[in-house]
Amino acid sequence: MNRSDIIQRLEARREPWDLLIIGGGATGAGIAVDAASRGYATLLLEQSDFGKGTSSRSTKLVHGGVRYLQQGNISLVMEALHERGLLRENAPHLVDDLRFIVPNYDWWEAPFYGIGLKIYDLLARQYSFGPSRLLDKDEVLAAIPTLKTEGLRGGVQYFDGQFDDARLLINIIQTADKQNTVVLNYMPVTALRKDGQGLINGVLARDAESGREFEIAARGVINATGPFTDGVRRMDQPDAPAMIAPSQGVHLVLPQSFLPGDSAIMVPHTRDGRVMFAIPWHDRAVVGTTDTPIDAVSLEPRALDGEIEFIIDTAQDYLSGTLTRQSILSVFAGIRPLVRAGDGRNTAAISRDHTIHIADSGLVTIAGGKWTTYRRMAQDCVGQAAVVAGLEMRPCVTKRLNLHGYLQHPERFGALAFYGSDAPDVQDLINSQPQLAEPLHPALPIRAGQVVWAARHEMARTVDDVLSRRTRALLLDARAAIDAAPTVAALLARELGRDAGWERGQTDEFRRLAEGYVA
């Protein structure tokens, strides 16, 4: 994907787009794939980078939602389990099975959670990732030797899915591109256009890189901006009531020594009513999360000291190693775009179902939902938006649409496995010049050639794009990512034709950003 070429495609179109999507996260990208694969002329505009917000900051799980089963939301669990299975089939290079263990310290936990997880198995049906079963104490410690042993009675195992969220999003964007969608990052929508009857018929957008403004016509406009949903709705209706109750979730990334092996821990009930996970991910351990109602949203939310301490305290109840702030490699925060219910303050109890709202102007807004169900959300949204836009109705085909990078058994490519079918080409690029085989940092499994690949084929435009989302360096080790920033800036400057001033500015900007990930 070449951004300059894509802008030329935008300029060349003379007819209105069938559907214009605002927002380049999981929901917007999924809608783009669905709409384009139905044959609709589709345009997607993202204010920053793809997945800059919520979609790159998840718990890295493709799951049915055990806690939704506790809440009695059986329909959401069944939908999520079904979508989990489809996602593994369509992106096997990024979605893996993962064994979870619920440690039992009280006598009632084994039967209680054992029965609940058997129901979870039954709901998954043909999309099961593996059967749950009771484990004795020795089996639990064999799987997770770092668990606290005092009072440990045993545990319950079950299986769910794990993925790399930002990498999957890039593959969805690439899939949309292959379906002839025009997808552009750094192209914020600044206003909505309306006809004489007050119906939306397009947008005004500005290229954040060049400053150029575009007036774009469209038959239908979809607001898929997650936490920024209400801001777009108020472009249409300034007094629109708040639809989103934003909630912040924080995760800590720890060295693998805190969770050796390939099994995860699930704590069913923390003090704030959430589920706590500790999962192995990219040779690290990710622990979280929190559920903190917030009043304002931003592209770079910051973890609160109390959230970090809460996760440390909760983890120390279960892990035998001494966990301090100095142990933390990175801390990241994401904002859940929950659909408001009541006063919106008890966000842990708000449903994760998605909602589609159609304004009098014809603006279609989709909000809520979760990563696992992004495809089904897109299916529902495109069906509604096509009616609003007066388009010919066409069936959804994404249930069996393999995503870009699709590859069975990608593990043979080692550290490049997450590129899937692109891995051989990435490896060839790395091998093409000695300097491209150089590691960015001793603590990071990333080579210089991956930066060049991101610029040439994945529309990476900044050091943040590369170190946060095309690779996961910032999440794997924030201090190492800061050290690698000058090298990345130099590589990008050569690829993008930038000068030394840009290079220095990018390095300084990323350093300021990354300092917020250091605990």
Protein backbone atom coordinates (compact mmCIF):
# COMPACT_ATOMS: atom_id res chain seq x y z
CA MET A 1 0.00 0.00 0.00
CA ASN A 2 1.51 3.29 -1.13
CA ARG A 3 -0.14 6.38 0.38
CA SER A 4 0.66 8.69 -2.53
CA ASP A 5 -0.87 6.24 -5.00
CA ILE A 6 -3.95 5.87 -2.81
CA ILE A 7 -4.49 9.64 -2.67
CA GLN A 8 -4.33 9.67 -6.47
CA ARG A 9 -7.08 7.04 -6.50
CA LEU A 10 -9.13 9.30 -4.21
CA GLU A 11 -8.62 12.27 -6.53
CA ALA A 12 -9.43 10.28 -9.65
CA ARG A 13 -12.94 9.30 -8.55
CA ARG A 14 -15.66 11.49 -10.03
CA GLU A 15 -18.75 9.63 -8.78
CA PRO A 16 -19.92 9.67 -5.15
CA TRP A 17 -18.64 6.81 -3.05
CA ASP A 18 -21.27 4.24 -2.13
CA LEU A 19 -20.10 4.14 1.49
CA LEU A 20 -17.63 6.40 3.28
CA ILE A 21 -16.33 5.14 6.63
CA ILE A 22 -14.92 7.45 9.28
CA GLY A 23 -12.52 5.54 11.54
CA GLY A 24 -9.69 3.11 10.85
CA GLY A 25 -9.84 0.85 13.88
CA ALA A 26 -11.11 -2.74 13.96
CA THR A 27 -14.75 -1.78 13.40
CA GLY A 28 -14.12 0.67 10.56
CA ALA A 29 -11.63 -1.63 8.82
CA GLY A 30 -14.01 -4.57 9.13
CA ILE A 31 -16.81 -2.49 7.62
CA ALA A 32 -14.53 -1.53 4.74
CA VAL A 33 -13.75 -5.18 3.97
CA ASP A 34 -17.40 -6.17 4.19
CA ALA A 35 -18.66 -3.30 2.03
CA ALA A 36 -15.98 -3.65 -0.65
CA SER A 37 -16.35 -7.42 -0.83
CA ARG A 38 -20.06 -6.89 -1.55
CA GLY A 39 -19.06 -4.70 -4.49
CA TYR A 40 -19.75 -1.27 -3.02
CA ALA A 41 -17.38 1.58 -3.86
CA THR A 42 -15.85 2.16 -0.42
CA LEU A 43 -13.64 4.83 1.13
CA LEU A 44 -12.15 4.71 4.66
CA LEU A 45 -10.63 7.78 6.34
CA GLU A 46 -8.66 7.62 9.61
CA GLN A 47 -7.68 10.73 11.58
CA SER A 48 -4.35 9.30 12.74
CA ASP A 49 -2.79 5.88 12.11
CA PHE A 50 -4.78 2.69 11.73
CA GLY A 51 -5.45 1.32 15.21
CA LYS A 52 -3.76 4.24 16.96
CA GLY A 53 -6.49 4.17 19.61
CA THR A 54 -8.45 1.32 21.13
CA SER A 55 -7.76 -1.36 18.53
CA SER A 56 -4.03 -1.68 19.33
CA ARG A 57 -4.48 -1.61 23.11
CA SER A 58 -6.56 -4.71 23.88
CA THR A 59 -5.81 -7.64 26.18
CA LYS A 60 -4.68 -9.55 23.05
CA LEU A 61 -7.46 -12.12 23.37
CA VAL A 62 -9.92 -13.48 20.82
CA HIS A 63 -12.47 -14.83 23.23
CA GLY A 64 -16.10 -15.57 23.87
CA GLY A 65 -16.09 -13.66 27.13
CA VAL A 66 -16.25 -15.79 30.26
CA ARG A 67 -17.42 -12.78 32.29
CA TYR A 68 -20.38 -12.28 29.94
CA LEU A 69 -21.38 -15.84 30.78
CA GLN A 70 -21.32 -14.85 34.46
CA GLN A 71 -23.58 -11.90 33.60
CA GLY A 72 -26.02 -14.23 31.84
CA ASN A 73 -25.48 -12.67 28.39
CA ILE A 74 -25.66 -16.01 26.59
CA SER A 75 -26.38 -14.52 23.15
CA LEU A 76 -23.24 -12.37 23.22
CA VAL A 77 -21.13 -15.33 24.37
CA MET A 78 -22.46 -17.55 21.58
CA GLU A 79 -21.90 -14.85 18.95
CA ALA A 80 -18.37 -14.19 20.19
CA LEU A 81 -17.48 -17.90 20.29
CA HIS A 82 -18.76 -18.32 16.74
CA GLU A 83 -16.77 -15.29 15.54
CA ARG A 84 -13.71 -16.52 17.43
CA GLY A 85 -13.83 -19.70 15.39
CA LEU A 86 -14.24 -17.86 12.09
CA LEU A 87 -11.34 -15.57 12.91
CA ARG A 88 -9.04 -18.50 13.59
CA GLU A 89 -10.07 -19.99 10.25
CA ASN A 90 -9.56 -16.74 8.31
CA ALA A 91 -6.33 -15.58 10.00
CA PRO A 92 -4.51 -18.65 11.35
CA HIS A 93 -1.17 -16.81 11.19
CA LEU A 94 -2.31 -14.42 13.92
CA VAL A 95 -4.92 -16.29 15.99
CA ASP A 96 -3.65 -19.08 18.25
CA ASP A 97 -5.21 -21.40 20.80
CA LEU A 98 -4.25 -20.57 24.36
CA ARG A 99 -4.75 -22.63 27.51
CA PHE A 100 -6.09 -20.71 30.50
CA ILE A 101 -6.00 -21.90 34.08
CA VAL A 102 -8.32 -20.64 36.80
CA PRO A 103 -6.43 -21.36 40.04
CA ASN A 104 -8.62 -22.57 42.91
CA TYR A 105 -7.86 -21.53 46.49
CA ASP A 106 -11.32 -22.10 48.02
CA TRP A 107 -13.24 -25.40 48.12
CA TRP A 108 -16.21 -24.09 46.12
CA GLU A 109 -14.20 -22.71 43.17
CA ALA A 110 -13.54 -26.00 41.37
CA PRO A 111 -17.21 -27.07 41.03
CA PHE A 112 -18.44 -23.52 40.44
CA TYR A 113 -16.00 -22.58 37.69
CA GLY A 114 -15.81 -26.12 36.36
CA ILE A 115 -19.54 -26.17 35.63
CA GLY A 116 -19.48 -22.68 34.15
CA LEU A 117 -16.65 -23.53 31.80
CA LYS A 118 -18.37 -26.75 30.67
CA ILE A 119 -21.27 -24.54 29.61
CA TYR A 120 -18.72 -22.36 27.78
CA ASP A 121 -17.52 -25.51 25.95
CA LEU A 122 -21.06 -26.46 24.96
CA LEU A 123 -21.84 -22.99 23.63
CA ALA A 124 -18.74 -23.08 21.41
CA ARG A 125 -19.97 -26.24 19.67
CA GLN A 126 -17.96 -26.93 16.47
CA TYR A 127 -15.83 -23.85 17.12
CA SER A 128 -14.40 -25.21 20.38
CA PHE A 129 -10.70 -24.52 20.94
CA GLY A 130 -10.38 -27.45 23.37
CA PRO A 131 -12.23 -29.03 26.32
CA SER A 132 -12.18 -27.68 29.86
CA ARG A 133 -11.32 -29.97 32.76
CA LEU A 134 -10.38 -29.94 36.43
CA LEU A 135 -6.68 -30.03 37.34
CA ASP A 136 -5.06 -31.10 40.57
CA LYS A 137 -2.46 -28.96 42.33
CA ASP A 138 0.51 -30.68 40.70
CA GLU A 139 -0.94 -30.24 37.20
CA VAL A 140 -1.57 -26.56 37.83
CA LEU A 141 2.00 -25.95 39.06
CA ALA A 142 3.44 -27.92 36.17
CA ALA A 143 1.70 -25.51 33.80
CA ILE A 144 2.34 -22.33 35.82
CA PRO A 145 5.27 -22.86 38.21
CA THR A 146 5.24 -19.20 39.32
CA LEU A 147 1.80 -19.45 40.95
CA LYS A 148 1.62 -18.97 44.70
CA THR A 149 1.32 -22.39 46.31
CA GLU A 150 -0.05 -21.49 49.74
CA GLY A 151 -3.66 -22.62 49.87
CA LEU A 152 -3.66 -23.78 46.24
CA ARG A 153 -6.10 -26.67 45.79
CA GLY A 154 -6.01 -27.13 42.02
CA GLY A 155 -7.58 -25.38 39.09
CA VAL A 156 -9.77 -25.48 36.02
CA GLN A 157 -8.37 -25.31 32.52
CA TYR A 158 -10.17 -24.00 29.44
CA PHE A 159 -9.15 -22.76 26.01
CA ASP A 160 -9.61 -19.45 24.24
CA GLY A 161 -7.84 -17.52 21.50
CA GLN A 162 -4.92 -15.12 21.46
CA PHE A 163 -3.84 -12.66 18.78
CA ASP A 164 -1.79 -9.58 17.97
CA ASP A 165 -4.39 -6.85 17.63
CA ALA A 166 -2.45 -4.19 15.71
CA ARG A 167 -1.00 -6.76 13.29
CA LEU A 168 -4.44 -8.21 12.62
CA LEU A 169 -5.79 -4.73 11.98
CA ILE A 170 -3.07 -4.03 9.41
CA ASN A 171 -3.99 -7.29 7.67
CA ILE A 172 -7.66 -6.26 7.64
CA ILE A 173 -6.68 -2.90 6.11
CA GLN A 174 -4.58 -4.73 3.51
CA THR A 175 -7.53 -7.01 2.78
CA ALA A 176 -9.74 -3.96 2.24
CA ASP A 177 -7.11 -2.53 -0.10
CA LYS A 178 -7.11 -5.77 -2.12
CA GLN A 179 -10.90 -5.48 -2.33
CA ASN A 180 -10.39 -2.05 -3.99
CA THR A 181 -11.27 0.00 -0.92
CA VAL A 182 -9.46 3.33 -0.76
CA VAL A 183 -7.99 3.45 2.77
CA LEU A 184 -6.13 6.49 4.08
CA ASN A 185 -4.52 7.20 7.42
CA TYR A 186 -3.75 10.74 8.60
CA MET A 187 -6.86 12.04 6.83
CA PRO A 188 -9.17 13.47 9.53
CA VAL A 189 -12.76 14.32 8.65
CA THR A 190 -13.34 17.96 9.59
CA ALA A 191 -17.03 18.40 8.69
CA LEU A 192 -20.06 16.60 7.30
CA ARG A 193 -21.67 17.78 4.05
CA LYS A 194 -25.46 17.98 3.73
CA ASP A 195 -27.88 18.57 0.88
CA GLY A 196 -30.79 21.03 0.87
CA GLN A 197 -32.94 18.59 2.84
CA GLY A 198 -30.40 18.19 5.62
CA LEU A 199 -29.31 14.73 4.54
CA ILE A 200 -25.61 13.88 4.71
CA ASN A 201 -24.08 13.47 1.26
CA GLY A 202 -20.36 13.52 1.99
CA VAL A 203 -17.59 14.97 4.13
CA LEU A 204 -14.79 17.48 4.21
CA ALA A 205 -11.42 15.97 5.02
CA ARG A 206 -7.88 17.28 5.44
CA ASP A 207 -4.63 15.49 4.64
CA ALA A 208 -2.67 15.87 7.88
CA GLU A 209 0.63 15.54 6.01
CA SER A 210 0.15 18.07 3.22
CA GLY A 211 -2.63 20.24 4.68
CA ARG A 212 -4.71 19.78 1.51
CA GLU A 213 -8.47 19.75 1.92
CA PHE A 214 -10.81 17.40 0.10
CA GLU A 215 -14.54 17.69 -0.49
CA ILE A 216 -15.79 14.12 -0.88
CA ALA A 217 -19.25 13.01 -1.98
CA ALA A 218 -20.82 9.80 -0.68
CA ARG A 219 -24.22 8.13 -0.76
CA GLY A 220 -23.79 6.84 2.79
CA VAL A 221 -21.53 7.87 5.69
CA ILE A 222 -20.67 5.57 8.59
CA ASN A 223 -19.31 6.77 11.93
CA ALA A 224 -17.04 4.01 13.29
CA THR A 225 -14.79 6.09 15.49
CA GLY A 226 -14.98 4.21 18.79
CA PRO A 227 -14.27 6.54 21.72
CA PHE A 228 -14.61 9.54 19.37
CA THR A 229 -18.14 8.57 18.31
CA ASP A 230 -19.86 11.49 20.02
CA GLY A 231 -17.51 14.04 18.44
CA VAL A 232 -18.54 12.91 14.95
CA ARG A 233 -22.21 12.77 15.92
CA ARG A 234 -21.98 16.39 17.08
CA MET A 235 -20.64 17.41 13.67
CA ASP A 236 -24.09 16.32 12.52
CA GLN A 237 -26.14 17.46 15.51
CA PRO A 238 -24.31 19.82 17.91
CA ASP A 239 -26.63 19.02 20.83
CA ALA A 240 -26.59 15.22 20.37
CA PRO A 241 -26.64 13.51 23.78
CA ALA A 242 -23.63 11.43 24.76
CA MET A 243 -23.82 7.89 23.41
CA ILE A 244 -20.46 6.66 24.74
CA ALA A 245 -19.48 5.95 28.34
CA PRO A 246 -15.68 5.71 27.94
CA SER A 247 -13.78 3.39 30.23
CA GLN A 248 -10.03 3.02 30.52
CA GLY A 249 -8.27 -0.34 30.72
CA VAL A 250 -4.60 -0.64 31.65
CA HIS A 251 -2.14 -3.49 31.08
CA LEU A 252 1.36 -4.15 32.36
CA VAL A 253 3.97 -5.97 30.26
CA LEU A 254 6.41 -8.03 32.33
CA PRO A 255 9.42 -10.24 31.60
CA GLN A 256 8.61 -13.82 30.64
CA SER A 257 10.06 -15.03 33.96
CA PHE A 258 6.84 -13.99 35.70
CA LEU A 259 4.83 -16.39 33.51
CA PRO A 260 7.07 -19.04 31.93
CA GLY A 261 5.49 -21.63 29.69
CA ASP A 262 2.55 -21.34 27.34
CA SER A 263 -0.42 -21.18 29.73
CA ALA A 264 -2.35 -18.12 30.91
CA ILE A 265 -3.99 -17.28 34.23
CA MET A 266 -7.56 -16.08 34.55
CA VAL A 267 -8.77 -14.56 37.83
CA PRO A 268 -12.58 -14.55 37.61
CA HIS A 269 -13.33 -11.72 40.03
CA THR A 270 -11.19 -8.79 41.15
CA ARG A 271 -12.03 -6.01 43.59
CA ASP A 272 -13.50 -3.84 40.81
CA GLY A 273 -15.64 -6.68 39.46
CA ARG A 274 -13.49 -7.43 36.43
CA VAL A 275 -11.67 -10.48 35.19
CA MET A 276 -7.89 -10.30 35.53
CA PHE A 277 -5.66 -12.03 32.99
CA ALA A 278 -1.97 -12.86 32.91
CA ILE A 279 -1.09 -14.14 29.46
CA PRO A 280 2.10 -15.09 27.60
CA TRP A 281 2.58 -12.86 24.54
CA HIS A 282 5.62 -12.37 22.29
CA ASP A 283 7.93 -13.85 24.98
CA ARG A 284 6.55 -11.48 27.58
CA ALA A 285 3.70 -11.59 30.10
CA VAL A 286 0.76 -9.19 29.74
CA VAL A 287 -1.24 -8.59 32.93
CA GLY A 288 -4.49 -6.64 33.17
CA THR A 289 -6.88 -5.03 33.11
CA THR A 290 -8.70 -2.20 34.90
CA ASP A 291 -12.07 -0.58 34.28
CA THR A 292 -11.89 3.12 35.12
CA PRO A 293 -14.64 5.51 33.95
CA ILE A 294 -13.14 8.62 32.33
CA ASP A 295 -14.61 11.92 31.22
CA ALA A 296 -12.37 12.80 28.25
CA VAL A 297 -10.92 10.65 25.48
CA SER A 298 -7.60 10.97 23.68
CA LEU A 299 -5.45 9.06 21.22
CA GLU A 300 -2.80 8.58 23.91
CA PRO A 301 -4.51 7.72 27.21
CA ARG A 302 -2.20 7.40 30.19
CA ALA A 303 -2.31 4.85 32.98
CA LEU A 304 -3.11 6.27 36.40
CA ASP A 305 -0.82 5.43 39.30
CA GLY A 306 -3.73 3.80 41.10
CA GLU A 307 -4.41 1.53 38.13
CA ILE A 308 -0.81 0.37 37.99
CA GLU A 309 -0.77 -0.30 41.72
CA PHE A 310 -4.08 -2.17 41.50
CA ILE A 311 -2.71 -4.55 38.86
CA ILE A 312 0.53 -5.06 40.80
CA ASP A 313 -1.39 -5.82 44.00
CA THR A 314 -3.81 -8.20 42.28
CA ALA A 315 -1.03 -10.01 40.43
CA GLN A 316 0.96 -10.40 43.65
CA ASP A 317 -2.01 -12.28 45.14
CA TYR A 318 -1.36 -15.03 42.60
CA LEU A 319 2.25 -14.81 41.38
CA SER A 320 5.14 -15.86 43.61
CA GLY A 321 7.73 -13.51 42.11
CA THR A 322 8.28 -10.05 43.57
CA LEU A 323 6.59 -7.57 41.24
CA THR A 324 7.52 -3.90 41.47
CA ARG A 325 7.37 -0.94 39.12
CA GLN A 326 10.98 -1.63 38.20
CA SER A 327 9.89 -5.05 36.87
CA ILE A 328 7.55 -3.49 34.31
CA LEU A 329 8.80 -3.35 30.70
CA SER A 330 5.86 -1.29 29.45
CA VAL A 331 2.47 -0.07 30.57
CA PHE A 332 -0.28 0.76 28.10
CA ALA A 333 -3.81 2.08 28.38
CA GLY A 334 -6.78 1.77 26.05
CA ILE A 335 -10.26 3.25 26.02
CA ARG A 336 -13.34 1.06 25.69
CA PRO A 337 -16.10 2.80 23.67
CA LEU A 338 -18.97 1.38 25.71
CA VAL A 339 -22.53 2.34 24.82
CA ARG A 340 -23.92 4.41 27.67
CA ALA A 341 -26.44 2.85 30.05
CA GLY A 342 -27.96 4.86 32.89
CA ASP A 343 -25.41 7.31 34.29
CA GLY A 344 -22.57 5.41 32.59
CA ARG A 345 -20.40 5.25 35.73
CA ASN A 346 -20.44 1.50 36.44
CA THR A 347 -18.64 0.64 33.21
CA ALA A 348 -17.74 -2.89 34.31
CA ALA A 349 -21.46 -3.77 34.16
CA ILE A 350 -22.17 -2.19 30.76
CA SER A 351 -22.95 -4.67 27.99
CA ARG A 352 -20.34 -5.26 25.28
CA ASP A 353 -23.06 -5.70 22.64
CA HIS A 354 -22.82 -3.33 19.69
CA THR A 355 -25.39 -0.70 18.79
CA ILE A 356 -26.25 0.85 15.43
CA HIS A 357 -27.84 4.31 15.47
CA ILE A 358 -29.27 6.05 12.42
CA ALA A 359 -29.68 9.82 12.69
CA ASP A 360 -32.35 11.86 10.93
CA SER A 361 -29.60 13.09 8.61
CA GLY A 362 -28.77 9.54 7.56
CA LEU A 363 -25.50 9.32 9.52
CA VAL A 364 -25.02 5.68 10.52
CA THR A 365 -23.15 5.24 13.81
CA ILE A 366 -21.91 1.93 15.15
CA ALA A 367 -20.62 1.75 18.71
CA GLY A 368 -19.82 -0.77 21.42
CA GLY A 369 -18.92 -4.35 20.65
CA LYS A 370 -15.55 -6.04 21.07
CA TRP A 371 -12.58 -7.04 18.90
CA THR A 372 -13.70 -10.66 18.61
CA THR A 373 -17.01 -9.71 17.01
CA TYR A 374 -15.68 -7.05 14.62
CA ARG A 375 -16.70 -9.07 11.53
CA ARG A 376 -20.29 -9.55 12.70
CA MET A 377 -20.52 -5.88 13.66
CA ALA A 378 -19.41 -4.99 10.14
CA GLN A 379 -21.96 -7.34 8.59
CA ASP A 380 -24.80 -5.77 10.57
CA CYS A 381 -23.61 -2.22 9.91
CA VAL A 382 -23.17 -2.59 6.14
CA GLY A 383 -26.62 -4.13 5.86
CA GLN A 384 -28.17 -1.13 7.61
CA ALA A 385 -26.03 1.46 5.84
CA ALA A 386 -26.83 0.04 2.39
CA VAL A 387 -30.54 0.57 3.07
CA VAL A 388 -29.99 4.14 4.27
CA ALA A 389 -27.81 4.92 1.24
CA GLY A 390 -30.31 3.38 -1.20
CA LEU A 391 -27.82 0.82 -2.48
CA GLU A 392 -28.64 -2.48 -4.12
CA MET A 393 -28.76 -5.13 -1.41
CA ARG A 394 -25.99 -7.72 -1.70
CA PRO A 395 -25.08 -10.62 0.59
CA CYS A 396 -22.20 -10.59 3.07
CA VAL A 397 -19.31 -12.86 2.04
CA THR A 398 -16.80 -12.33 4.87
CA LYS A 399 -17.51 -15.52 6.83
CA ARG A 400 -15.21 -17.39 4.50
CA LEU A 401 -12.96 -14.56 3.36
CA ASN A 402 -9.33 -15.22 4.26
CA LEU A 403 -7.51 -12.14 5.50
CA HIS A 404 -4.28 -10.84 4.00
CA GLY A 405 -1.35 -12.89 5.26
CA TYR A 406 -3.41 -16.08 5.58
CA LEU A 407 -1.03 -18.97 6.15
CA GLN A 408 -1.32 -22.29 7.91
CA HIS A 409 1.65 -23.16 10.15
CA PRO A 410 3.46 -19.80 10.02
CA GLU A 411 5.66 -20.81 12.97
CA ARG A 412 8.34 -22.03 10.55
CA PHE A 413 9.21 -18.38 9.96
CA GLY A 414 10.18 -17.83 13.60
CA ALA A 415 10.21 -14.17 14.64
CA LEU A 416 8.55 -13.23 11.33
CA ALA A 417 5.63 -15.65 11.76
CA PHE A 418 3.09 -12.85 12.35
CA TYR A 419 3.61 -11.67 8.75
CA GLY A 420 2.01 -14.89 7.52
CA SER A 421 2.30 -15.28 3.76
CA ASP A 422 4.33 -12.04 3.59
CA ALA A 423 7.09 -13.54 5.75
CA PRO A 424 9.23 -14.87 2.85
CA ASP A 425 9.19 -11.45 1.19
CA VAL A 426 10.06 -9.72 4.47
CA GLN A 427 12.92 -12.17 4.94
CA ASP A 428 14.16 -11.53 1.38
CA LEU A 429 14.16 -7.78 2.08
CA ILE A 430 16.10 -8.30 5.32
CA ASN A 431 18.63 -10.45 3.45
CA SER A 432 19.00 -8.00 0.56
CA GLN A 433 21.37 -5.63 2.40
CA PRO A 434 23.57 -6.30 5.44
CA GLN A 435 22.34 -3.18 7.24
CA LEU A 436 18.72 -4.35 6.96
CA ALA A 437 19.57 -7.49 8.93
CA GLU A 438 20.77 -5.43 11.89
CA PRO A 439 18.63 -5.66 15.04
CA LEU A 440 17.05 -2.41 16.16
CA HIS A 441 17.99 -3.18 19.77
CA PRO A 442 19.38 -6.22 21.64
CA ALA A 443 16.17 -6.46 23.70
CA LEU A 444 13.85 -6.41 20.68
CA PRO A 445 13.24 -9.21 18.12
CA ILE A 446 13.00 -6.65 15.30
CA ARG A 447 15.36 -5.97 12.41
CA ALA A 448 15.91 -2.86 10.34
CA GLY A 449 14.37 -4.44 7.26
CA GLN A 450 11.02 -4.62 9.03
CA VAL A 451 11.00 -0.82 9.27
CA VAL A 452 11.55 -0.56 5.53
CA TRP A 453 8.82 -3.13 4.88
CA ALA A 454 6.39 -1.18 7.07
CA ALA A 455 7.07 2.01 5.11
CA ARG A 456 6.82 0.37 1.69
CA HIS A 457 3.93 -2.04 2.18
CA GLU A 458 2.01 -1.14 5.37
CA MET A 459 1.61 2.65 5.09
CA ALA A 460 3.73 3.42 8.17
CA ARG A 461 4.38 7.18 8.23
CA THR A 462 5.97 7.86 11.62
CA VAL A 463 8.32 6.32 14.16
CA ASP A 464 5.27 5.73 16.37
CA ASP A 465 3.54 3.81 13.56
CA VAL A 466 6.53 1.47 13.27
CA LEU A 467 7.46 0.96 16.92
CA SER A 468 3.91 0.90 18.33
CA ARG A 469 1.84 -0.94 15.72
CA ARG A 470 3.73 -2.38 12.70
CA THR A 471 6.11 -3.93 15.20
CA ARG A 472 5.15 -4.05 18.88
CA ALA A 473 8.42 -2.66 20.23
CA LEU A 474 6.83 0.02 22.43
CA LEU A 475 4.67 -2.55 24.19
CA LEU A 476 7.43 -5.16 24.47
CA ASP A 477 9.96 -2.82 26.07
CA ALA A 478 9.35 0.93 26.23
CA ARG A 479 12.94 1.84 27.16
CA ALA A 480 14.38 -0.26 24.34
CA ALA A 481 11.92 1.35 21.91
CA ILE A 482 13.11 4.80 22.95
CA ASP A 483 16.70 3.74 22.29
CA ALA A 484 15.71 2.39 18.84
CA ALA A 485 13.84 5.52 17.77
CA PRO A 486 16.78 7.36 16.10
CA THR A 487 17.56 4.32 13.94
CA VAL A 488 13.91 3.97 12.92
CA ALA A 489 13.65 7.69 12.15
CA ALA A 490 16.71 7.50 9.89
CA LEU A 491 15.34 4.48 8.01
CA LEU A 492 11.94 6.11 7.56
CA ALA A 493 13.45 9.40 6.44
CA ARG A 494 15.25 7.63 3.59
CA GLU A 495 12.14 5.68 2.59
CA LEU A 496 9.74 8.64 2.75
CA GLY A 497 12.07 11.30 1.40
CA ARG A 498 12.18 13.34 4.62
CA ASP A 499 14.95 15.69 5.73
CA ALA A 500 17.18 15.72 8.82
CA GLY A 501 14.83 18.11 10.64
CA TRP A 502 11.93 15.67 10.24
CA GLU A 503 14.16 12.86 11.46
CA ARG A 504 15.11 14.74 14.64
CA GLY A 505 11.52 15.85 15.23
CA GLN A 506 10.23 12.30 14.92
CA THR A 507 12.82 11.00 17.38
CA ASP A 508 11.96 13.67 19.95
CA GLU A 509 8.21 13.23 19.48
CA PHE A 510 8.41 9.47 19.93
CA ARG A 511 10.59 9.83 23.03
CA ARG A 512 7.99 12.08 24.66
CA LEU A 513 5.21 9.66 23.74
CA ALA A 514 7.07 6.55 24.90
CA GLU A 515 7.95 8.04 28.28
CA GLY A 516 4.25 7.59 29.11
CA TYR A 517 4.72 3.81 28.73
CA VAL A 518 7.51 3.65 31.32
CA ALA A 519 6.13 2.76 34.75
